[in-house]
Amino acid sequence: MAASKLDLRIGSAGDALDRFEAAWNRIAEGGSAPKLAVLSFPDLPLLLKTLTPARWALLESLAQEKAASVYELAKRLGRDYKNVHTDVAALAGLGLIAKDGALTVPWQAIRAEFRLSE
């Protein structure tokens, strides 16, 4: 079963370093590390290129029911095996899909926030 929430953000590498520094300082002061799961993209076009409607449908399908293989998932989605394989590899590389014996989505929710300015 999915474990938590993932935040999608648009921001620079500096934003990720700022989050890391804040967590480091919190731990250094005796606190605990924040439990954040964040996936950052440098800009909206890259996010949209990466998380296409077909890939989103794939994630929704896996969130409802895991798949034993890419072949099973491609058959369920009515899509070409090669394209589904490419999508699964890309999404797994980002941590959006887990491959532990079966293909699953390790998130209960994926949340996105797009700020127009700081």
PDB file of N, CA and C in Angstrom:
ATOM      1  N   MET A   1       0.833  -1.191   0.000  1.00  0.00           N
ATOM      2  CA  MET A   1       0.000   0.000   0.000  1.00  0.00           C
ATOM      3  C   MET A   1       0.871   1.245   0.000  1.00  0.00           C
ATOM      4  N   ALA A   2       0.373   2.286  -0.624  1.00  0.00           N
ATOM      5  CA  ALA A   2       1.103   3.538  -0.704  1.00  0.00           C
ATOM      6  C   ALA A   2       1.318   4.121   0.683  1.00  0.00           C
ATOM      7  N   ALA A   3       2.432   4.836   0.828  1.00  0.00           N
ATOM      8  CA  ALA A   3       2.843   5.263   2.146  1.00  0.00           C
ATOM      9  C   ALA A   3       2.586   6.724   2.477  1.00  0.00           C
ATOM     10  N   SER A   4       2.717   7.627   1.526  1.00  0.00           N
ATOM     11  CA  SER A   4       2.697   9.030   1.896  1.00  0.00           C
ATOM     12  C   SER A   4       2.375   9.923   0.711  1.00  0.00           C
ATOM     13  N   LYS A   5       2.708  11.197   0.886  1.00  0.00           N
ATOM     14  CA  LYS A   5       2.460  12.188  -0.158  1.00  0.00           C
ATOM     15  C   LYS A   5       3.780  12.615  -0.789  1.00  0.00           C
ATOM     16  N   LEU A   6       3.729  12.883  -2.077  1.00  0.00           N
ATOM     17  CA  LEU A   6       4.869  13.405  -2.808  1.00  0.00           C
ATOM     18  C   LEU A   6       4.499  14.793  -3.301  1.00  0.00           C
ATOM     19  N   ASP A   7       5.380  15.752  -3.089  1.00  0.00           N
ATOM     20  CA  ASP A   7       5.171  17.114  -3.578  1.00  0.00           C
ATOM     21  C   ASP A   7       5.959  17.322  -4.855  1.00  0.00           C
ATOM     22  N   LEU A   8       5.286  17.795  -5.897  1.00  0.00           N
ATOM     23  CA  LEU A   8       5.948  18.207  -7.128  1.00  0.00           C
ATOM     24  C   LEU A   8       6.132  19.710  -7.054  1.00  0.00           C
ATOM     25  N   ARG A   9       7.329  20.158  -7.373  1.00  0.00           N
ATOM     26  CA  ARG A   9       7.605  21.594  -7.326  1.00  0.00           C
ATOM     27  C   ARG A   9       8.384  22.017  -8.558  1.00  0.00           C
ATOM     28  N   ILE A  10       8.248  23.271  -8.873  1.00  0.00           N
ATOM     29  CA  ILE A  10       9.067  23.880  -9.905  1.00  0.00           C
ATOM     30  C   ILE A  10      10.031  24.803  -9.182  1.00  0.00           C
ATOM     31  N   GLY A  11      11.302  24.572  -9.377  1.00  0.00           N
ATOM     32  CA  GLY A  11      12.297  25.392  -8.707  1.00  0.00           C
ATOM     33  C   GLY A  11      13.691  25.002  -9.128  1.00  0.00           C
ATOM     34  N   SER A  12      14.615  25.793  -8.712  1.00  0.00           N
ATOM     35  CA  SER A  12      16.007  25.571  -9.084  1.00  0.00           C
ATOM     36  C   SER A  12      16.660  24.551  -8.155  1.00  0.00           C
ATOM     37  N   ALA A  13      17.851  24.133  -8.529  1.00  0.00           N
ATOM     38  CA  ALA A  13      18.626  23.235  -7.669  1.00  0.00           C
ATOM     39  C   ALA A  13      18.904  23.920  -6.335  1.00  0.00           C
ATOM     40  N   GLY A  14      19.004  25.232  -6.353  1.00  0.00           N
ATOM     41  CA  GLY A  14      19.229  25.986  -5.121  1.00  0.00           C
ATOM     42  C   GLY A  14      18.100  25.800  -4.121  1.00  0.00           C
ATOM     43  N   ASP A  15      16.870  25.650  -4.610  1.00  0.00           N
ATOM     44  CA  ASP A  15      15.730  25.412  -3.721  1.00  0.00           C
ATOM     45  C   ASP A  15      15.898  24.089  -2.986  1.00  0.00           C
ATOM     46  N   ALA A  16      16.338  23.067  -3.703  1.00  0.00           N
ATOM     47  CA  ALA A  16      16.562  21.763  -3.086  1.00  0.00           C
ATOM     48  C   ALA A  16      17.696  21.853  -2.070  1.00  0.00           C
ATOM     49  N   LEU A  17      18.737  22.604  -2.399  1.00  0.00           N
ATOM     50  CA  LEU A  17      19.845  22.776  -1.451  1.00  0.00           C
ATOM     51  C   LEU A  17      19.388  23.530  -0.207  1.00  0.00           C
ATOM     52  N   ASP A  18      18.497  24.494  -0.375  1.00  0.00           N
ATOM     53  CA  ASP A  18      17.954  25.222   0.775  1.00  0.00           C
ATOM     54  C   ASP A  18      17.177  24.280   1.696  1.00  0.00           C
ATOM     55  N   ARG A  19      16.385  23.365   1.119  1.00  0.00           N
ATOM     56  CA  ARG A  19      15.650  22.393   1.932  1.00  0.00           C
ATOM     57  C   ARG A  19      16.613  21.473   2.672  1.00  0.00           C
ATOM     58  N   PHE A  20      17.668  21.058   1.973  1.00  0.00           N
ATOM     59  CA  PHE A  20      18.672  20.194   2.595  1.00  0.00           C
ATOM     60  C   PHE A  20      19.348  20.919   3.759  1.00  0.00           C
ATOM     61  N   GLU A  21      19.735  22.170   3.547  1.00  0.00           N
ATOM     62  CA  GLU A  21      20.400  22.942   4.589  1.00  0.00           C
ATOM     63  C   GLU A  21      19.487  23.127   5.812  1.00  0.00           C
ATOM     64  N   ALA A  22      18.217  23.400   5.569  1.00  0.00           N
ATOM     65  CA  ALA A  22      17.277  23.564   6.680  1.00  0.00           C
ATOM     66  C   ALA A  22      17.145  22.270   7.469  1.00  0.00           C
ATOM     67  N   ALA A  23      17.082  21.140   6.782  1.00  0.00           N
ATOM     68  CA  ALA A  23      16.991  19.844   7.466  1.00  0.00           C
ATOM     69  C   ALA A  23      18.271  19.575   8.249  1.00  0.00           C
ATOM     70  N   TRP A  24      19.403  19.872   7.641  1.00  0.00           N
ATOM     71  CA  TRP A  24      20.704  19.659   8.306  1.00  0.00           C
ATOM     72  C   TRP A  24      20.770  20.475   9.595  1.00  0.00           C
ATOM     73  N   ASN A  25      20.378  21.734   9.514  1.00  0.00           N
ATOM     74  CA  ASN A  25      20.413  22.602  10.700  1.00  0.00           C
ATOM     75  C   ASN A  25      19.459  22.111  11.780  1.00  0.00           C
ATOM     76  N   ARG A  26      18.291  21.637  11.382  1.00  0.00           N
ATOM     77  CA  ARG A  26      17.325  21.120  12.349  1.00  0.00           C
ATOM     78  C   ARG A  26      17.910  19.925  13.099  1.00  0.00           C
ATOM     79  N   ILE A  27      18.555  19.031  12.381  1.00  0.00           N
ATOM     80  CA  ILE A  27      19.165  17.857  13.007  1.00  0.00           C
ATOM     81  C   ILE A  27      20.330  18.272  13.893  1.00  0.00           C
ATOM     82  N   ALA A  28      21.144  19.217  13.440  1.00  0.00           N
ATOM     83  CA  ALA A  28      22.285  19.694  14.222  1.00  0.00           C
ATOM     84  C   ALA A  28      21.841  20.316  15.533  1.00  0.00           C
ATOM     85  N   GLU A  29      20.637  20.874  15.550  1.00  0.00           N
ATOM     86  CA  GLU A  29      20.105  21.495  16.761  1.00  0.00           C
ATOM     87  C   GLU A  29      19.356  20.488  17.635  1.00  0.00           C
ATOM     88  N   GLY A  30      19.426  19.214  17.283  1.00  0.00           N
ATOM     89  CA  GLY A  30      18.803  18.176  18.092  1.00  0.00           C
ATOM     90  C   GLY A  30      17.398  17.802  17.668  1.00  0.00           C
ATOM     91  N   GLY A  31      16.930  18.380  16.605  1.00  0.00           N
ATOM     92  CA  GLY A  31      15.594  18.057  16.107  1.00  0.00           C
ATOM     93  C   GLY A  31      15.631  16.838  15.204  1.00  0.00           C
ATOM     94  N   SER A  32      14.488  16.525  14.676  1.00  0.00           N
ATOM     95  CA  SER A  32      14.413  15.391  13.750  1.00  0.00           C
ATOM     96  C   SER A  32      14.317  15.905  12.320  1.00  0.00           C
ATOM     97  N   ALA A  33      14.699  15.050  11.413  1.00  0.00           N
ATOM     98  CA  ALA A  33      14.645  15.423  10.001  1.00  0.00           C
ATOM     99  C   ALA A  33      13.191  15.519   9.554  1.00  0.00           C
ATOM    100  N   PRO A  34      12.863  16.536   8.777  1.00  0.00           N
ATOM    101  CA  PRO A  34      11.495  16.626   8.267  1.00  0.00           C
ATOM    102  C   PRO A  34      11.232  15.478   7.295  1.00  0.00           C
ATOM    103  N   LYS A  35      10.017  14.991   7.303  1.00  0.00           N
ATOM    104  CA  LYS A  35       9.655  13.891   6.420  1.00  0.00           C
ATOM    105  C   LYS A  35       8.999  14.451   5.181  1.00  0.00           C
ATOM    106  N   LEU A  36       9.851  14.943   4.290  1.00  0.00           N
ATOM    107  CA  LEU A  36       9.382  15.520   3.037  1.00  0.00           C
ATOM    108  C   LEU A  36       9.758  14.610   1.883  1.00  0.00           C
ATOM    109  N   ALA A  37       8.868  14.477   0.977  1.00  0.00           N
ATOM    110  CA  ALA A  37       9.160  13.809  -0.285  1.00  0.00           C
ATOM    111  C   ALA A  37       8.862  14.830  -1.366  1.00  0.00           C
ATOM    112  N   VAL A  38       9.915  15.315  -2.005  1.00  0.00           N
ATOM    113  CA  VAL A  38       9.772  16.394  -2.974  1.00  0.00           C
ATOM    114  C   VAL A  38      10.475  16.004  -4.268  1.00  0.00           C
ATOM    115  N   LEU A  39       9.806  16.224  -5.359  1.00  0.00           N
ATOM    116  CA  LEU A  39      10.388  16.042  -6.683  1.00  0.00           C
ATOM    117  C   LEU A  39      10.317  17.392  -7.373  1.00  0.00           C
ATOM    118  N   SER A  40      11.487  17.965  -7.660  1.00  0.00           N
ATOM    119  CA  SER A  40      11.554  19.302  -8.254  1.00  0.00           C
ATOM    120  C   SER A  40      11.921  19.236  -9.723  1.00  0.00           C
ATOM    121  N   PHE A  41      11.301  20.115 -10.478  1.00  0.00           N
ATOM    122  CA  PHE A  41      11.621  20.292 -11.894  1.00  0.00           C
ATOM    123  C   PHE A  41      12.052  21.736 -12.074  1.00  0.00           C
ATOM    124  N   PRO A  42      12.992  21.993 -12.974  1.00  0.00           N
ATOM    125  CA  PRO A  42      13.454  23.374 -13.147  1.00  0.00           C
ATOM    126  C   PRO A  42      12.407  24.298 -13.759  1.00  0.00           C
ATOM    127  N   ASP A  43      11.473  23.730 -14.541  1.00  0.00           N
ATOM    128  CA  ASP A  43      10.444  24.567 -15.146  1.00  0.00           C
ATOM    129  C   ASP A  43       9.214  23.726 -15.491  1.00  0.00           C
ATOM    130  N   LEU A  44       8.111  24.406 -15.736  1.00  0.00           N
ATOM    131  CA  LEU A  44       6.851  23.732 -16.038  1.00  0.00           C
ATOM    132  C   LEU A  44       6.910  22.914 -17.334  1.00  0.00           C
ATOM    133  N   PRO A  45       7.528  23.424 -18.412  1.00  0.00           N
ATOM    134  CA  PRO A  45       7.582  22.605 -19.621  1.00  0.00           C
ATOM    135  C   PRO A  45       8.240  21.235 -19.397  1.00  0.00           C
ATOM    136  N   LEU A  46       9.297  21.173 -18.605  1.00  0.00           N
ATOM    137  CA  LEU A  46       9.936  19.881 -18.345  1.00  0.00           C
ATOM    138  C   LEU A  46       9.039  18.979 -17.510  1.00  0.00           C
ATOM    139  N   LEU A  47       8.353  19.549 -16.533  1.00  0.00           N
ATOM    140  CA  LEU A  47       7.417  18.749 -15.737  1.00  0.00           C
ATOM    141  C   LEU A  47       6.344  18.155 -16.644  1.00  0.00           C
ATOM    142  N   LEU A  48       5.769  18.952 -17.518  1.00  0.00           N
ATOM    143  CA  LEU A  48       4.705  18.484 -18.403  1.00  0.00           C
ATOM    144  C   LEU A  48       5.220  17.489 -19.437  1.00  0.00           C
ATOM    145  N   LYS A  49       6.452  17.656 -19.867  1.00  0.00           N
ATOM    146  CA  LYS A  49       7.059  16.705 -20.806  1.00  0.00           C
ATOM    147  C   LYS A  49       7.314  15.364 -20.112  1.00  0.00           C
ATOM    148  N   THR A  50       7.633  15.419 -18.836  1.00  0.00           N
ATOM    149  CA  THR A  50       7.944  14.213 -18.069  1.00  0.00           C
ATOM    150  C   THR A  50       6.689  13.500 -17.596  1.00  0.00           C
ATOM    151  N   LEU A  51       5.731  14.251 -17.112  1.00  0.00           N
ATOM    152  CA  LEU A  51       4.511  13.669 -16.558  1.00  0.00           C
ATOM    153  C   LEU A  51       3.368  13.894 -17.552  1.00  0.00           C
ATOM    154  N   THR A  52       3.423  13.153 -18.646  1.00  0.00           N
ATOM    155  CA  THR A  52       2.445  13.273 -19.730  1.00  0.00           C
ATOM    156  C   THR A  52       1.100  12.674 -19.307  1.00  0.00           C
ATOM    157  N   PRO A  53       0.047  12.970 -20.045  1.00  0.00           N
ATOM    158  CA  PRO A  53      -1.247  12.341 -19.739  1.00  0.00           C
ATOM    159  C   PRO A  53      -1.179  10.807 -19.750  1.00  0.00           C
ATOM    160  N   ALA A  54      -0.425  10.228 -20.690  1.00  0.00           N
ATOM    161  CA  ALA A  54      -0.304   8.765 -20.734  1.00  0.00           C
ATOM    162  C   ALA A  54       0.417   8.239 -19.495  1.00  0.00           C
ATOM    163  N   ARG A  55       1.443   8.941 -19.061  1.00  0.00           N
ATOM    164  CA  ARG A  55       2.160   8.520 -17.845  1.00  0.00           C
ATOM    165  C   ARG A  55       1.288   8.705 -16.607  1.00  0.00           C
ATOM    166  N   TRP A  56       0.488   9.758 -16.592  1.00  0.00           N
ATOM    167  CA  TRP A  56      -0.417   9.959 -15.457  1.00  0.00           C
ATOM    168  C   TRP A  56      -1.447   8.829 -15.394  1.00  0.00           C
ATOM    169  N   ALA A  57      -1.985   8.433 -16.548  1.00  0.00           N
ATOM    170  CA  ALA A  57      -2.938   7.312 -16.596  1.00  0.00           C
ATOM    171  C   ALA A  57      -2.270   6.031 -16.103  1.00  0.00           C
ATOM    172  N   LEU A  58      -1.013   5.845 -16.455  1.00  0.00           N
ATOM    173  CA  LEU A  58      -0.250   4.690 -15.985  1.00  0.00           C
ATOM    174  C   LEU A  58      -0.143   4.710 -14.455  1.00  0.00           C
ATOM    175  N   LEU A  59       0.189   5.871 -13.898  1.00  0.00           N
ATOM    176  CA  LEU A  59       0.279   5.997 -12.433  1.00  0.00           C
ATOM    177  C   LEU A  59      -1.072   5.721 -11.769  1.00  0.00           C
ATOM    178  N   GLU A  60      -2.140   6.258 -12.342  1.00  0.00           N
ATOM    179  CA  GLU A  60      -3.474   6.019 -11.780  1.00  0.00           C
ATOM    180  C   GLU A  60      -3.817   4.531 -11.793  1.00  0.00           C
ATOM    181  N   SER A  61      -3.484   3.870 -12.872  1.00  0.00           N
ATOM    182  CA  SER A  61      -3.766   2.437 -12.978  1.00  0.00           C
ATOM    183  C   SER A  61      -3.001   1.650 -11.923  1.00  0.00           C
ATOM    184  N   LEU A  62      -1.715   1.973 -11.760  1.00  0.00           N
ATOM    185  CA  LEU A  62      -0.906   1.268 -10.750  1.00  0.00           C
ATOM    186  C   LEU A  62      -1.335   1.614  -9.327  1.00  0.00           C
ATOM    187  N   ALA A  63      -1.839   2.814  -9.122  1.00  0.00           N
ATOM    188  CA  ALA A  63      -2.312   3.184  -7.790  1.00  0.00           C
ATOM    189  C   ALA A  63      -3.542   2.358  -7.408  1.00  0.00           C
ATOM    190  N   GLN A  64      -4.351   2.002  -8.404  1.00  0.00           N
ATOM    191  CA  GLN A  64      -5.540   1.192  -8.139  1.00  0.00           C
ATOM    192  C   GLN A  64      -5.200  -0.273  -7.962  1.00  0.00           C
ATOM    193  N   GLU A  65      -4.249  -0.752  -8.774  1.00  0.00           N
ATOM    194  CA  GLU A  65      -3.884  -2.161  -8.719  1.00  0.00           C
ATOM    195  C   GLU A  65      -2.461  -2.338  -9.235  1.00  0.00           C
ATOM    196  N   LYS A  66      -1.601  -2.968  -8.425  1.00  0.00           N
ATOM    197  CA  LYS A  66      -0.219  -3.197  -8.860  1.00  0.00           C
ATOM    198  C   LYS A  66      -0.211  -4.097 -10.087  1.00  0.00           C
ATOM    199  N   ALA A  67       0.920  -4.124 -10.774  1.00  0.00           N
ATOM    200  CA  ALA A  67       1.085  -4.972 -11.952  1.00  0.00           C
ATOM    201  C   ALA A  67       2.306  -5.858 -11.738  1.00  0.00           C
ATOM    202  N   ALA A  68       2.190  -7.111 -12.120  1.00  0.00           N
ATOM    203  CA  ALA A  68       3.291  -8.054 -11.957  1.00  0.00           C
ATOM    204  C   ALA A  68       4.419  -7.773 -12.942  1.00  0.00           C
ATOM    205  N   SER A  69       4.097  -7.147 -14.075  1.00  0.00           N
ATOM    206  CA  SER A  69       5.113  -6.903 -15.100  1.00  0.00           C
ATOM    207  C   SER A  69       4.697  -5.730 -15.980  1.00  0.00           C
ATOM    208  N   VAL A  70       5.653  -5.257 -16.756  1.00  0.00           N
ATOM    209  CA  VAL A  70       5.365  -4.207 -17.721  1.00  0.00           C
ATOM    210  C   VAL A  70       4.391  -4.742 -18.770  1.00  0.00           C
ATOM    211  N   TYR A  71       4.570  -5.982 -19.153  1.00  0.00           N
ATOM    212  CA  TYR A  71       3.670  -6.594 -20.139  1.00  0.00           C
ATOM    213  C   TYR A  71       2.225  -6.563 -19.638  1.00  0.00           C
ATOM    214  N   GLU A  72       2.030  -6.955 -18.374  1.00  0.00           N
ATOM    215  CA  GLU A  72       0.673  -6.942 -17.801  1.00  0.00           C
ATOM    216  C   GLU A  72       0.102  -5.532 -17.790  1.00  0.00           C
ATOM    217  N   LEU A  73       0.928  -4.567 -17.431  1.00  0.00           N
ATOM    218  CA  LEU A  73       0.482  -3.180 -17.377  1.00  0.00           C
ATOM    219  C   LEU A  73       0.135  -2.661 -18.775  1.00  0.00           C
ATOM    220  N   ALA A  74       0.974  -2.960 -19.760  1.00  0.00           N
ATOM    221  CA  ALA A  74       0.708  -2.524 -21.129  1.00  0.00           C
ATOM    222  C   ALA A  74      -0.598  -3.111 -21.639  1.00  0.00           C
ATOM    223  N   LYS A  75      -0.821  -4.369 -21.328  1.00  0.00           N
ATOM    224  CA  LYS A  75      -2.066  -5.032 -21.746  1.00  0.00           C
ATOM    225  C   LYS A  75      -3.267  -4.365 -21.078  1.00  0.00           C
ATOM    226  N   ARG A  76      -3.151  -4.091 -19.781  1.00  0.00           N
ATOM    227  CA  ARG A  76      -4.241  -3.446 -19.042  1.00  0.00           C
ATOM    228  C   ARG A  76      -4.560  -2.070 -19.612  1.00  0.00           C
ATOM    229  N   LEU A  77      -3.521  -1.320 -19.991  1.00  0.00           N
ATOM    230  CA  LEU A  77      -3.708   0.034 -20.508  1.00  0.00           C
ATOM    231  C   LEU A  77      -4.048   0.067 -21.989  1.00  0.00           C
ATOM    232  N   GLY A  78      -3.888  -1.065 -22.683  1.00  0.00           N
ATOM    233  CA  GLY A  78      -4.128  -1.100 -24.116  1.00  0.00           C
ATOM    234  C   GLY A  78      -3.097  -0.304 -24.894  1.00  0.00           C
ATOM    235  N   ARG A  79      -1.857  -0.328 -24.393  1.00  0.00           N
ATOM    236  CA  ARG A  79      -0.779   0.440 -25.001  1.00  0.00           C
ATOM    237  C   ARG A  79       0.332  -0.487 -25.482  1.00  0.00           C
ATOM    238  N   ASP A  80       1.184   0.023 -26.336  1.00  0.00           N
ATOM    239  CA  ASP A  80       2.331  -0.700 -26.855  1.00  0.00           C
ATOM    240  C   ASP A  80       3.326  -0.998 -25.723  1.00  0.00           C
ATOM    241  N   TYR A  81       3.825  -2.235 -25.683  1.00  0.00           N
ATOM    242  CA  TYR A  81       4.750  -2.659 -24.628  1.00  0.00           C
ATOM    243  C   TYR A  81       5.978  -1.752 -24.551  1.00  0.00           C
ATOM    244  N   LYS A  82       6.590  -1.455 -25.700  1.00  0.00           N
ATOM    245  CA  LYS A  82       7.821  -0.657 -25.706  1.00  0.00           C
ATOM    246  C   LYS A  82       7.586   0.725 -25.097  1.00  0.00           C
ATOM    247  N   ASN A  83       6.473   1.359 -25.452  1.00  0.00           N
ATOM    248  CA  ASN A  83       6.174   2.689 -24.903  1.00  0.00           C
ATOM    249  C   ASN A  83       5.918   2.633 -23.404  1.00  0.00           C
ATOM    250  N   VAL A  84       5.203   1.617 -22.952  1.00  0.00           N
ATOM    251  CA  VAL A  84       4.948   1.465 -21.509  1.00  0.00           C
ATOM    252  C   VAL A  84       6.261   1.185 -20.783  1.00  0.00           C
ATOM    253  N   HIS A  85       7.117   0.371 -21.374  1.00  0.00           N
ATOM    254  CA  HIS A  85       8.419   0.084 -20.767  1.00  0.00           C
ATOM    255  C   HIS A  85       9.228   1.372 -20.596  1.00  0.00           C
ATOM    256  N   THR A  86       9.237   2.211 -21.641  1.00  0.00           N
ATOM    257  CA  THR A  86       9.941   3.496 -21.578  1.00  0.00           C
ATOM    258  C   THR A  86       9.355   4.371 -20.476  1.00  0.00           C
ATOM    259  N   ASP A  87       8.033   4.431 -20.398  1.00  0.00           N
ATOM    260  CA  ASP A  87       7.377   5.245 -19.373  1.00  0.00           C
ATOM    261  C   ASP A  87       7.659   4.724 -17.968  1.00  0.00           C
ATOM    262  N   VAL A  88       7.591   3.415 -17.783  1.00  0.00           N
ATOM    263  CA  VAL A  88       7.866   2.828 -16.463  1.00  0.00           C
ATOM    264  C   VAL A  88       9.300   3.132 -16.050  1.00  0.00           C
ATOM    265  N   ALA A  89      10.250   2.993 -16.968  1.00  0.00           N
ATOM    266  CA  ALA A  89      11.653   3.279 -16.640  1.00  0.00           C
ATOM    267  C   ALA A  89      11.834   4.741 -16.223  1.00  0.00           C
ATOM    268  N   ALA A  90      11.204   5.650 -16.958  1.00  0.00           N
ATOM    269  CA  ALA A  90      11.322   7.074 -16.635  1.00  0.00           C
ATOM    270  C   ALA A  90      10.690   7.384 -15.281  1.00  0.00           C
ATOM    271  N   LEU A  91       9.499   6.857 -15.032  1.00  0.00           N
ATOM    272  CA  LEU A  91       8.797   7.132 -13.767  1.00  0.00           C
ATOM    273  C   LEU A  91       9.492   6.455 -12.585  1.00  0.00           C
ATOM    274  N   ALA A  92      10.038   5.276 -12.802  1.00  0.00           N
ATOM    275  CA  ALA A  92      10.777   4.600 -11.729  1.00  0.00           C
ATOM    276  C   ALA A  92      12.052   5.364 -11.408  1.00  0.00           C
ATOM    277  N   GLY A  93      12.704   5.910 -12.430  1.00  0.00           N
ATOM    278  CA  GLY A  93      13.914   6.697 -12.208  1.00  0.00           C
ATOM    279  C   GLY A  93      13.670   7.944 -11.377  1.00  0.00           C
ATOM    280  N   LEU A  94      12.456   8.447 -11.427  1.00  0.00           N
ATOM    281  CA  LEU A  94      12.082   9.627 -10.637  1.00  0.00           C
ATOM    282  C   LEU A  94      11.520   9.257  -9.263  1.00  0.00           C
ATOM    283  N   GLY A  95      11.313   7.963  -9.026  1.00  0.00           N
ATOM    284  CA  GLY A  95      10.735   7.535  -7.753  1.00  0.00           C
ATOM    285  C   GLY A  95       9.229   7.558  -7.720  1.00  0.00           C
ATOM    286  N   LEU A  96       8.602   7.726  -8.881  1.00  0.00           N
ATOM    287  CA  LEU A  96       7.146   7.748  -8.921  1.00  0.00           C
ATOM    288  C   LEU A  96       6.554   6.345  -8.973  1.00  0.00           C
ATOM    289  N   ILE A  97       7.370   5.375  -9.380  1.00  0.00           N
ATOM    290  CA  ILE A  97       6.968   3.966  -9.405  1.00  0.00           C
ATOM    291  C   ILE A  97       8.024   3.170  -8.659  1.00  0.00           C
ATOM    292  N   ALA A  98       7.574   2.204  -7.876  1.00  0.00           N
ATOM    293  CA  ALA A  98       8.488   1.284  -7.202  1.00  0.00           C
ATOM    294  C   ALA A  98       8.440  -0.060  -7.909  1.00  0.00           C
ATOM    295  N   LYS A  99       9.606  -0.679  -8.039  1.00  0.00           N
ATOM    296  CA  LYS A  99       9.684  -2.006  -8.645  1.00  0.00           C
ATOM    297  C   LYS A  99      10.262  -2.957  -7.606  1.00  0.00           C
ATOM    298  N   ASP A 100       9.405  -3.586  -6.810  1.00  0.00           N
ATOM    299  CA  ASP A 100       9.860  -4.571  -5.839  1.00  0.00           C
ATOM    300  C   ASP A 100       9.049  -5.844  -6.034  1.00  0.00           C
ATOM    301  N   GLY A 101       9.403  -6.584  -7.069  1.00  0.00           N
ATOM    302  CA  GLY A 101       8.657  -7.777  -7.405  1.00  0.00           C
ATOM    303  C   GLY A 101       7.460  -7.465  -8.277  1.00  0.00           C
ATOM    304  N   ALA A 102       6.834  -6.346  -8.020  1.00  0.00           N
ATOM    305  CA  ALA A 102       5.694  -5.880  -8.814  1.00  0.00           C
ATOM    306  C   ALA A 102       5.849  -4.381  -9.013  1.00  0.00           C
ATOM    307  N   LEU A 103       5.111  -3.845  -9.935  1.00  0.00           N
ATOM    308  CA  LEU A 103       5.116  -2.405 -10.166  1.00  0.00           C
ATOM    309  C   LEU A 103       4.024  -1.777  -9.310  1.00  0.00           C
ATOM    310  N   THR A 104       4.407  -0.819  -8.490  1.00  0.00           N
ATOM    311  CA  THR A 104       3.457  -0.145  -7.609  1.00  0.00           C
ATOM    312  C   THR A 104       3.751   1.351  -7.568  1.00  0.00           C
ATOM    313  N   VAL A 105       2.802   2.101  -7.054  1.00  0.00           N
ATOM    314  CA  VAL A 105       2.994   3.526  -6.797  1.00  0.00           C
ATOM    315  C   VAL A 105       3.127   3.682  -5.284  1.00  0.00           C
ATOM    316  N   PRO A 106       4.281   4.166  -4.812  1.00  0.00           N
ATOM    317  CA  PRO A 106       4.500   4.261  -3.369  1.00  0.00           C
ATOM    318  C   PRO A 106       3.904   5.505  -2.717  1.00  0.00           C
ATOM    319  N   TRP A 107       2.961   6.152  -3.376  1.00  0.00           N
ATOM    320  CA  TRP A 107       2.382   7.394  -2.860  1.00  0.00           C
ATOM    321  C   TRP A 107       0.876   7.281  -2.781  1.00  0.00           C
ATOM    322  N   GLN A 108       0.295   7.840  -1.721  1.00  0.00           N
ATOM    323  CA  GLN A 108      -1.158   7.951  -1.633  1.00  0.00           C
ATOM    324  C   GLN A 108      -1.629   9.151  -2.428  1.00  0.00           C
ATOM    325  N   ALA A 109      -0.780  10.169  -2.501  1.00  0.00           N
ATOM    326  CA  ALA A 109      -1.151  11.397  -3.200  1.00  0.00           C
ATOM    327  C   ALA A 109       0.088  12.033  -3.801  1.00  0.00           C
ATOM    328  N   ILE A 110      -0.091  12.659  -4.945  1.00  0.00           N
ATOM    329  CA  ILE A 110       0.946  13.473  -5.555  1.00  0.00           C
ATOM    330  C   ILE A 110       0.364  14.869  -5.645  1.00  0.00           C
ATOM    331  N   ARG A 111       1.028  15.778  -4.987  1.00  0.00           N
ATOM    332  CA  ARG A 111       0.511  17.139  -4.859  1.00  0.00           C
ATOM    333  C   ARG A 111       1.451  18.096  -5.596  1.00  0.00           C
ATOM    334  N   ALA A 112       0.889  19.043  -6.319  1.00  0.00           N
ATOM    335  CA  ALA A 112       1.709  20.018  -7.057  1.00  0.00           C
ATOM    336  C   ALA A 112       1.298  21.422  -6.661  1.00  0.00           C
ATOM    337  N   GLU A 113       2.299  22.260  -6.545  1.00  0.00           N
ATOM    338  CA  GLU A 113       2.067  23.676  -6.270  1.00  0.00           C
ATOM    339  C   GLU A 113       2.944  24.470  -7.211  1.00  0.00           C
ATOM    340  N   PHE A 114       2.335  25.397  -7.928  1.00  0.00           N
ATOM    341  CA  PHE A 114       3.074  26.210  -8.869  1.00  0.00           C
ATOM    342  C   PHE A 114       2.956  27.673  -8.444  1.00  0.00           C
ATOM    343  N   ARG A 115       4.046  28.255  -8.020  1.00  0.00           N
ATOM    344  CA  ARG A 115       4.050  29.653  -7.612  1.00  0.00           C
ATOM    345  C   ARG A 115       4.460  30.532  -8.780  1.00  0.00           C
ATOM    346  N   LEU A 116       3.754  31.615  -8.941  1.00  0.00           N
ATOM    347  CA  LEU A 116       4.076  32.548 -10.012  1.00  0.00           C
ATOM    348  C   LEU A 116       5.219  33.466  -9.636  1.00  0.00           C
ATOM    349  N   SER A 117       5.407  33.699  -8.349  1.00  0.00           N
ATOM    350  CA  SER A 117       6.522  34.503  -7.860  1.00  0.00           C
ATOM    351  C   SER A 117       6.829  34.101  -6.433  1.00  0.00           C
ATOM    352  N   GLU A 118       7.992  34.471  -5.991  1.00  0.00           N
ATOM    353  CA  GLU A 118       8.422  34.153  -4.620  1.00  0.00           C
ATOM    354  C   GLU A 118       7.880  35.128  -3.625  1.00  0.00           C
TER     355      GLU A 118
END
